[in-house]
């Protein structure tokens, strides 16, 4: 009996040490990533939720993503100058180019850290939506004159929306509503506003909500207006939203998930690999992922993270010299 007790006393410390080492190893193996997305209620915030779930499932819990709400793409890029660790954010490539050149929104807040931004993978493109109340009688952009329009502040859609209104001859002719974008649907229902502008991959959650709550009209651009914007022409197919009987002509801009050189190659590789391996499963439950293909890497004008480059080379996916 004494021998058995003595033997157990010898085993317990070893067992405890083994369990501690196993727990430590597990904790060290788990990689934590912060994903800066968009405003809650937007399609891009929902995409962030889907990516977080897909990455966790696809990596068997080895990569966990903490999703953060954002005020817009400009803020996402600006935070790249101060964030540490595995910071991932989404933005159109044009804003990264502007940040690296200390131009536009970044002229007064330049940082050498912007040059450390690296691309990972594309996500669904940013599609412009001009959503109007059907009873407001707005059939074209010219009909927005004299109407209350919610454009928002600080977001990509706000900047593009304001730009488009000027291009289409509506500068100073619309009443810009002082309402937050996340209250757009309620404001439309209560007739506080006649229209709102939002940018997101279709079908966009806030446009779905608006169309389900009351009759709406999503404005279609003429070919001349599309050319004026300088953006890519996009078609939102008929029946994408409730009551939408015809295709909508609008514009879209590419959106990319970026990180910085602070992310190590192993993490960038695993994150990129898992994303592409889970894309088909995401598309099965959310239609906007169906249009994401490796061909969209052509929309990345600058450097891709070396870890992601490794994955693309393994898959024989063409990259430009500038990407590497």
Protein backbone atom coordinates (compact mmCIF):
# COMPACT_ATOMS: atom_id res chain seq x y z
CA UNK A 1 0.00 0.00 0.00
CA UNK A 2 2.76 2.42 0.96
CA UNK A 3 4.55 1.60 -2.29
CA UNK A 4 1.41 2.39 -4.29
CA UNK A 5 0.92 5.71 -2.54
CA UNK A 6 4.56 6.58 -3.10
CA UNK A 7 4.23 5.72 -6.79
CA UNK A 8 1.10 7.90 -7.13
CA UNK A 9 2.90 10.82 -5.50
CA UNK A 10 5.60 10.48 -8.12
CA UNK A 11 3.11 10.28 -10.99
CA UNK A 12 0.89 13.25 -10.02
CA UNK A 13 3.55 15.98 -10.43
CA UNK A 14 4.52 14.55 -13.82
CA UNK A 15 0.87 14.37 -14.88
CA UNK A 16 0.21 17.92 -13.68
CA UNK A 17 3.25 19.18 -15.56
CA UNK A 18 2.12 17.38 -18.73
CA UNK A 19 -1.35 18.90 -18.50
CA UNK A 20 0.09 22.35 -17.92
CA UNK A 21 2.39 22.02 -20.92
CA UNK A 22 -0.50 20.77 -23.05
CA UNK A 23 -2.65 23.72 -22.01
CA UNK A 24 0.22 26.13 -22.67
CA UNK A 25 0.85 24.54 -26.07
CA UNK A 26 -2.84 24.86 -26.96
CA UNK A 27 -2.91 28.51 -25.90
CA UNK A 28 0.21 29.23 -27.90
CA UNK A 29 -1.19 27.44 -30.97
CA UNK A 30 -4.31 29.59 -31.06
CA UNK A 31 -3.84 32.66 -33.25
CA UNK A 32 -5.95 35.72 -32.53
CA UNK A 33 -6.83 38.16 -35.30
CA UNK A 34 -8.65 41.49 -35.09
CA UNK A 35 -10.90 42.14 -38.11
CA UNK A 36 -11.95 45.76 -38.59
CA UNK A 37 -15.07 45.70 -40.68
CA UNK A 38 -17.83 48.28 -41.16
CA UNK A 39 -20.83 49.76 -39.38
CA UNK A 40 -23.15 47.24 -37.75
CA UNK A 41 -26.16 46.51 -39.94
CA UNK A 42 -24.25 46.85 -43.21
CA UNK A 43 -23.47 44.02 -45.61
CA UNK A 44 -19.74 44.31 -44.89
CA UNK A 45 -20.26 43.90 -41.16
CA UNK A 46 -22.27 40.76 -41.87
CA UNK A 47 -19.46 39.52 -44.14
CA UNK A 48 -17.07 40.03 -41.23
CA UNK A 49 -19.28 37.82 -39.08
CA UNK A 50 -19.31 35.15 -41.79
CA UNK A 51 -15.54 35.30 -42.28
CA UNK A 52 -14.94 35.00 -38.52
CA UNK A 53 -17.17 31.93 -38.32
CA UNK A 54 -15.66 30.35 -41.45
CA UNK A 55 -12.06 30.89 -40.35
CA UNK A 56 -12.71 29.43 -36.91
CA UNK A 57 -14.43 26.38 -38.40
CA UNK A 58 -11.90 25.91 -41.19
CA UNK A 59 -8.91 26.16 -38.85
CA UNK A 60 -10.49 23.91 -36.20
CA UNK A 61 -10.43 26.80 -33.77
CA UNK A 62 -6.73 27.52 -34.25
CA UNK A 63 -7.49 30.98 -35.67
CA UNK A 64 -10.07 33.11 -33.87
CA UNK A 65 -11.24 36.46 -35.18
CA UNK A 66 -12.50 39.33 -33.06
CA UNK A 67 -14.81 41.47 -35.18
CA UNK A 68 -14.77 45.23 -34.62
CA UNK A 69 -17.33 47.73 -35.89
CA UNK A 70 -15.91 50.58 -37.94
CA UNK A 71 -16.99 54.05 -39.02
CA UNK A 72 -15.71 53.38 -42.53
CA UNK A 73 -12.82 52.45 -44.78
CA UNK A 74 -10.85 55.63 -44.10
CA UNK A 75 -10.79 54.87 -40.37
CA UNK A 76 -9.77 51.28 -41.11
CA UNK A 77 -6.71 52.42 -43.07
CA UNK A 78 -5.77 55.12 -40.55
CA UNK A 79 -5.74 52.58 -37.72
CA UNK A 80 -3.17 50.51 -39.63
CA UNK A 81 -0.64 53.17 -38.61
CA UNK A 82 -1.11 52.49 -34.89
CA UNK A 83 -2.37 48.92 -34.57
CA UNK A 84 -0.06 46.11 -33.50
CA UNK A 85 -0.32 42.38 -33.95
CA UNK A 86 -2.65 40.63 -36.38
CA UNK A 87 -4.77 43.55 -37.56
CA UNK A 88 -6.92 42.85 -40.63
CA UNK A 89 -9.14 45.48 -42.22
CA UNK A 90 -11.19 46.01 -45.37
CA UNK A 91 -10.99 48.90 -47.81
CA UNK A 92 -10.94 49.71 -51.53
CA UNK A 93 -7.34 49.63 -52.88
CA UNK A 94 -7.60 53.28 -53.92
CA UNK A 95 -7.60 54.35 -50.25
CA UNK A 96 -4.45 52.34 -49.53
CA UNK A 97 -2.77 54.01 -52.50
CA UNK A 98 -3.84 57.43 -51.17
CA UNK A 99 -2.53 56.62 -47.68
CA UNK A 100 0.84 55.49 -49.01
CA UNK A 101 1.12 58.71 -51.00
CA UNK A 102 -0.10 60.90 -48.06
CA UNK A 103 -2.92 62.23 -50.22
CA UNK A 104 -6.65 62.82 -49.90
CA UNK A 105 -8.03 61.97 -46.46
CA UNK A 106 -4.50 61.10 -45.31
CA UNK A 107 -2.77 64.33 -46.32
CA UNK A 108 -3.13 65.83 -42.84
CA UNK A 109 -2.39 62.54 -41.07
CA UNK A 110 0.57 61.04 -42.93
CA UNK A 111 2.46 58.05 -41.57
CA UNK A 112 5.35 55.91 -42.84
CA UNK A 113 3.44 52.94 -41.38
CA UNK A 114 1.01 53.05 -44.30
CA UNK A 115 3.76 51.67 -46.51
CA UNK A 116 3.68 48.50 -44.40
CA UNK A 117 0.13 47.65 -45.51
CA UNK A 118 -0.13 44.34 -47.39
CA UNK A 119 -3.09 42.68 -49.15
CA UNK A 120 -4.47 39.25 -48.25
CA UNK A 121 -7.54 38.43 -50.35
CA UNK A 122 -10.51 40.05 -52.14
CA UNK A 123 -14.03 40.15 -50.70
CA UNK A 124 -17.29 41.07 -52.50
CA UNK A 125 -17.13 44.38 -54.35
CA UNK A 126 -18.64 47.60 -53.00
CA UNK A 127 -21.83 48.38 -54.93
CA UNK A 128 -23.51 51.78 -54.78
CA UNK A 129 -27.22 51.89 -53.85
CA UNK A 130 -29.38 55.02 -53.99
CA UNK A 131 -32.54 53.91 -52.15
CA UNK A 132 -35.67 56.08 -52.32
CA UNK A 133 -39.20 55.92 -50.91
CA UNK A 134 -41.54 54.92 -53.73
CA UNK A 135 -44.16 57.47 -52.60
CA UNK A 136 -41.58 60.28 -52.92
CA UNK A 137 -41.93 60.06 -56.71
CA UNK A 138 -38.20 59.80 -57.35
CA UNK A 139 -37.63 57.98 -60.64
CA UNK A 140 -34.23 59.37 -61.61
CA UNK A 141 -31.32 61.25 -60.06
CA UNK A 142 -32.73 64.56 -61.32
CA UNK A 143 -35.80 63.92 -59.15
CA UNK A 144 -33.62 64.07 -56.01
CA UNK A 145 -33.56 67.87 -56.29
CA UNK A 146 -35.31 69.40 -53.28
CA UNK A 147 -35.49 66.06 -51.45
CA UNK A 148 -34.07 65.02 -48.06
CA UNK A 149 -31.20 62.65 -48.74
CA UNK A 150 -29.17 60.76 -46.14
CA UNK A 151 -25.58 60.40 -47.30
CA UNK A 152 -23.89 59.90 -43.94
CA UNK A 153 -20.44 60.98 -42.81
CA UNK A 154 -16.93 59.57 -42.94
CA UNK A 155 -17.78 56.38 -44.79
CA UNK A 156 -16.84 55.33 -48.28
CA UNK A 157 -20.49 55.46 -49.36
CA UNK A 158 -20.79 58.98 -47.94
CA UNK A 159 -17.77 60.18 -49.89
CA UNK A 160 -18.88 58.48 -53.11
CA UNK A 161 -22.49 59.52 -52.65
CA UNK A 162 -21.52 63.17 -52.24
CA UNK A 163 -19.22 62.91 -55.25
CA UNK A 164 -21.96 61.41 -57.43
CA UNK A 165 -24.50 64.07 -56.45
CA UNK A 166 -22.03 66.75 -57.58
CA UNK A 167 -21.24 64.92 -60.81
CA UNK A 168 -24.93 64.56 -61.61
CA UNK A 169 -25.61 68.31 -61.16
CA UNK A 170 -27.24 68.08 -57.73
CA UNK A 171 -24.67 69.96 -55.64
CA UNK A 172 -26.60 72.31 -53.34
CA UNK A 173 -29.93 71.09 -54.72
CA UNK A 174 -30.59 68.32 -52.20
CA UNK A 175 -31.17 68.61 -48.48
CA UNK A 176 -28.57 66.51 -46.70
CA UNK A 177 -30.20 64.82 -43.70
CA UNK A 178 -28.42 64.82 -40.34
CA UNK A 179 -29.18 61.18 -39.51
CA UNK A 180 -26.83 58.27 -38.86
CA UNK A 181 -26.71 55.66 -41.60
CA UNK A 182 -27.68 52.86 -39.20
CA UNK A 183 -31.00 54.70 -38.69
CA UNK A 184 -31.63 55.07 -42.43
CA UNK A 185 -34.44 52.50 -42.72
CA UNK A 186 -36.35 53.90 -39.73
CA UNK A 187 -35.91 57.45 -41.05
CA UNK A 188 -37.19 56.36 -44.46
CA UNK A 189 -40.25 54.67 -42.93
CA UNK A 190 -41.01 57.73 -40.77
CA UNK A 191 -40.61 60.03 -43.80
CA UNK A 192 -37.78 61.94 -42.14
CA UNK A 193 -35.85 61.34 -45.35
CA UNK A 194 -36.78 60.65 -48.97
CA UNK A 195 -33.69 58.64 -49.86
CA UNK A 196 -30.45 57.24 -48.49
CA UNK A 197 -27.14 56.24 -50.02
CA UNK A 198 -25.35 53.08 -49.03
CA UNK A 199 -22.53 51.00 -50.46
CA UNK A 200 -22.34 47.29 -49.99
CA UNK A 201 -22.30 44.04 -51.86
CA UNK A 202 -25.73 42.99 -52.99
CA UNK A 203 -28.02 41.85 -51.60
CA UNK A 204 -27.33 44.51 -48.97
CA UNK A 205 -28.99 43.87 -45.55
CA UNK A 206 -30.15 47.46 -45.01
CA UNK A 207 -31.65 47.62 -48.50
CA UNK A 208 -33.35 44.25 -47.94
CA UNK A 209 -34.77 45.64 -44.70
CA UNK A 210 -35.93 48.83 -46.38
CA UNK A 211 -37.59 46.99 -49.28
CA UNK A 212 -39.32 44.62 -46.85
CA UNK A 213 -40.59 47.52 -44.72
CA UNK A 214 -42.07 49.77 -47.40
CA UNK A 215 -42.15 50.19 -51.20
CA UNK A 216 -38.77 51.51 -52.37
CA UNK A 217 -37.08 52.37 -55.64
CA UNK A 218 -33.34 51.81 -56.06
CA UNK A 219 -32.21 54.31 -58.68
CA UNK A 220 -30.58 53.14 -61.90
CA UNK A 221 -27.79 55.14 -63.57
CA UNK A 222 -27.55 55.96 -67.24
CA UNK A 223 -24.47 54.80 -69.16
CA UNK A 224 -23.34 58.43 -69.29
CA UNK A 225 -23.60 58.73 -65.49
CA UNK A 226 -21.61 55.52 -65.00
CA UNK A 227 -18.90 56.95 -67.26
CA UNK A 228 -18.90 60.21 -65.26
CA UNK A 229 -18.13 58.35 -62.03
CA UNK A 230 -15.06 56.63 -63.46
CA UNK A 231 -16.02 53.47 -61.57
CA UNK A 232 -16.82 50.03 -62.93
CA UNK A 233 -20.34 49.42 -64.27
CA UNK A 234 -22.34 46.95 -62.20
CA UNK A 235 -25.73 45.31 -62.57
CA UNK A 236 -27.97 44.41 -59.65
CA UNK A 237 -30.20 41.71 -61.19
CA UNK A 238 -33.99 42.04 -61.16
CA UNK A 239 -35.70 40.54 -58.10
CA UNK A 240 -32.64 41.01 -55.89
CA UNK A 241 -34.86 43.16 -53.65
CA UNK A 242 -38.59 43.04 -52.94
CA UNK A 243 -40.56 44.87 -55.64
CA UNK A 244 -37.53 45.22 -57.95
CA UNK A 245 -38.80 44.14 -61.38
CA UNK A 246 -35.88 45.29 -63.56
CA UNK A 247 -32.08 45.24 -63.48
CA UNK A 248 -30.45 48.22 -61.77
CA UNK A 249 -27.44 49.83 -63.41
CA UNK A 250 -24.98 51.19 -60.87
CA UNK A 251 -21.26 51.16 -60.08
CA UNK A 252 -18.99 49.04 -57.93
CA UNK A 253 -15.47 49.22 -56.56
CA UNK A 254 -13.22 46.37 -55.45
CA UNK A 255 -12.72 45.74 -51.74
CA UNK A 256 -9.73 43.91 -50.32
CA UNK A 257 -8.87 42.47 -46.91
CA UNK A 258 -5.52 43.94 -45.85
CA UNK A 259 -3.11 43.49 -42.98
CA UNK A 260 0.36 44.88 -42.23
CA UNK A 261 3.89 43.51 -42.14
CA UNK A 262 3.42 42.93 -38.41
CA UNK A 263 1.51 39.76 -39.27
CA UNK A 264 3.95 36.87 -39.64
CA UNK A 265 4.11 34.81 -42.82
CA UNK A 266 2.72 31.67 -41.19
CA UNK A 267 -0.43 33.44 -39.98
CA UNK A 268 -0.99 35.23 -43.31
CA UNK A 269 -0.62 31.91 -45.14
CA UNK A 270 -3.03 30.05 -42.84
CA UNK A 271 -5.59 32.88 -42.91
CA UNK A 272 -5.53 33.16 -46.70
CA UNK A 273 -5.62 29.39 -47.27
CA UNK A 274 -8.54 28.91 -44.87
CA UNK A 275 -10.47 31.80 -46.39
CA UNK A 276 -10.34 30.35 -49.90
CA UNK A 277 -11.07 26.82 -48.70
CA UNK A 278 -14.18 28.07 -46.88
CA UNK A 279 -15.43 30.43 -49.62
CA UNK A 280 -17.73 27.85 -51.27
CA UNK A 281 -19.37 27.04 -47.93
CA UNK A 282 -19.92 30.75 -47.26
CA UNK A 283 -21.46 31.14 -50.74
CA UNK A 284 -23.91 28.33 -50.02
CA UNK A 285 -25.52 30.41 -47.27
CA UNK A 286 -24.75 33.98 -48.44
CA UNK A 287 -25.06 34.72 -52.21
CA UNK A 288 -22.57 37.62 -52.23
CA UNK A 289 -19.64 35.20 -51.86
CA UNK A 290 -20.47 33.48 -55.17
CA UNK A 291 -18.87 36.28 -57.18
CA UNK A 292 -15.53 36.18 -55.35
CA UNK A 293 -12.87 34.46 -57.46
CA UNK A 294 -9.05 34.44 -57.61
CA UNK A 295 -9.38 36.58 -60.77
CA UNK A 296 -10.27 39.48 -58.45
CA UNK A 297 -6.64 39.55 -57.29
CA UNK A 298 -6.09 41.61 -60.43
CA UNK A 299 -7.77 44.48 -58.53
CA UNK A 300 -4.81 44.62 -56.11
CA UNK A 301 -2.30 47.13 -57.49
CA UNK A 302 0.25 46.84 -54.71
CA UNK A 303 2.02 44.30 -52.53
CA UNK A 304 0.41 41.14 -51.21
CA UNK A 305 1.64 39.75 -47.89
CA UNK A 306 4.44 37.17 -48.46
CA UNK A 307 2.46 34.53 -46.55
CA UNK A 308 -0.50 35.01 -48.88
CA UNK A 309 1.83 35.06 -51.90
CA UNK A 310 3.07 31.62 -50.86
CA UNK A 311 -0.49 30.25 -50.97
CA UNK A 312 -1.26 31.81 -54.36
CA UNK A 313 1.93 30.38 -55.84
CA UNK A 314 1.05 26.94 -54.49
CA UNK A 315 -2.29 27.23 -56.28
CA UNK A 316 -0.67 28.54 -59.50
CA UNK A 317 -2.72 31.72 -59.28
CA UNK A 318 -1.15 34.49 -61.41
CA UNK A 319 0.26 37.49 -59.58
CA UNK A 320 1.84 40.67 -60.93
CA UNK A 321 5.39 41.76 -60.22
CA UNK A 322 3.96 44.61 -58.15
CA UNK A 323 2.10 42.10 -55.93
CA UNK A 324 5.36 40.50 -54.89
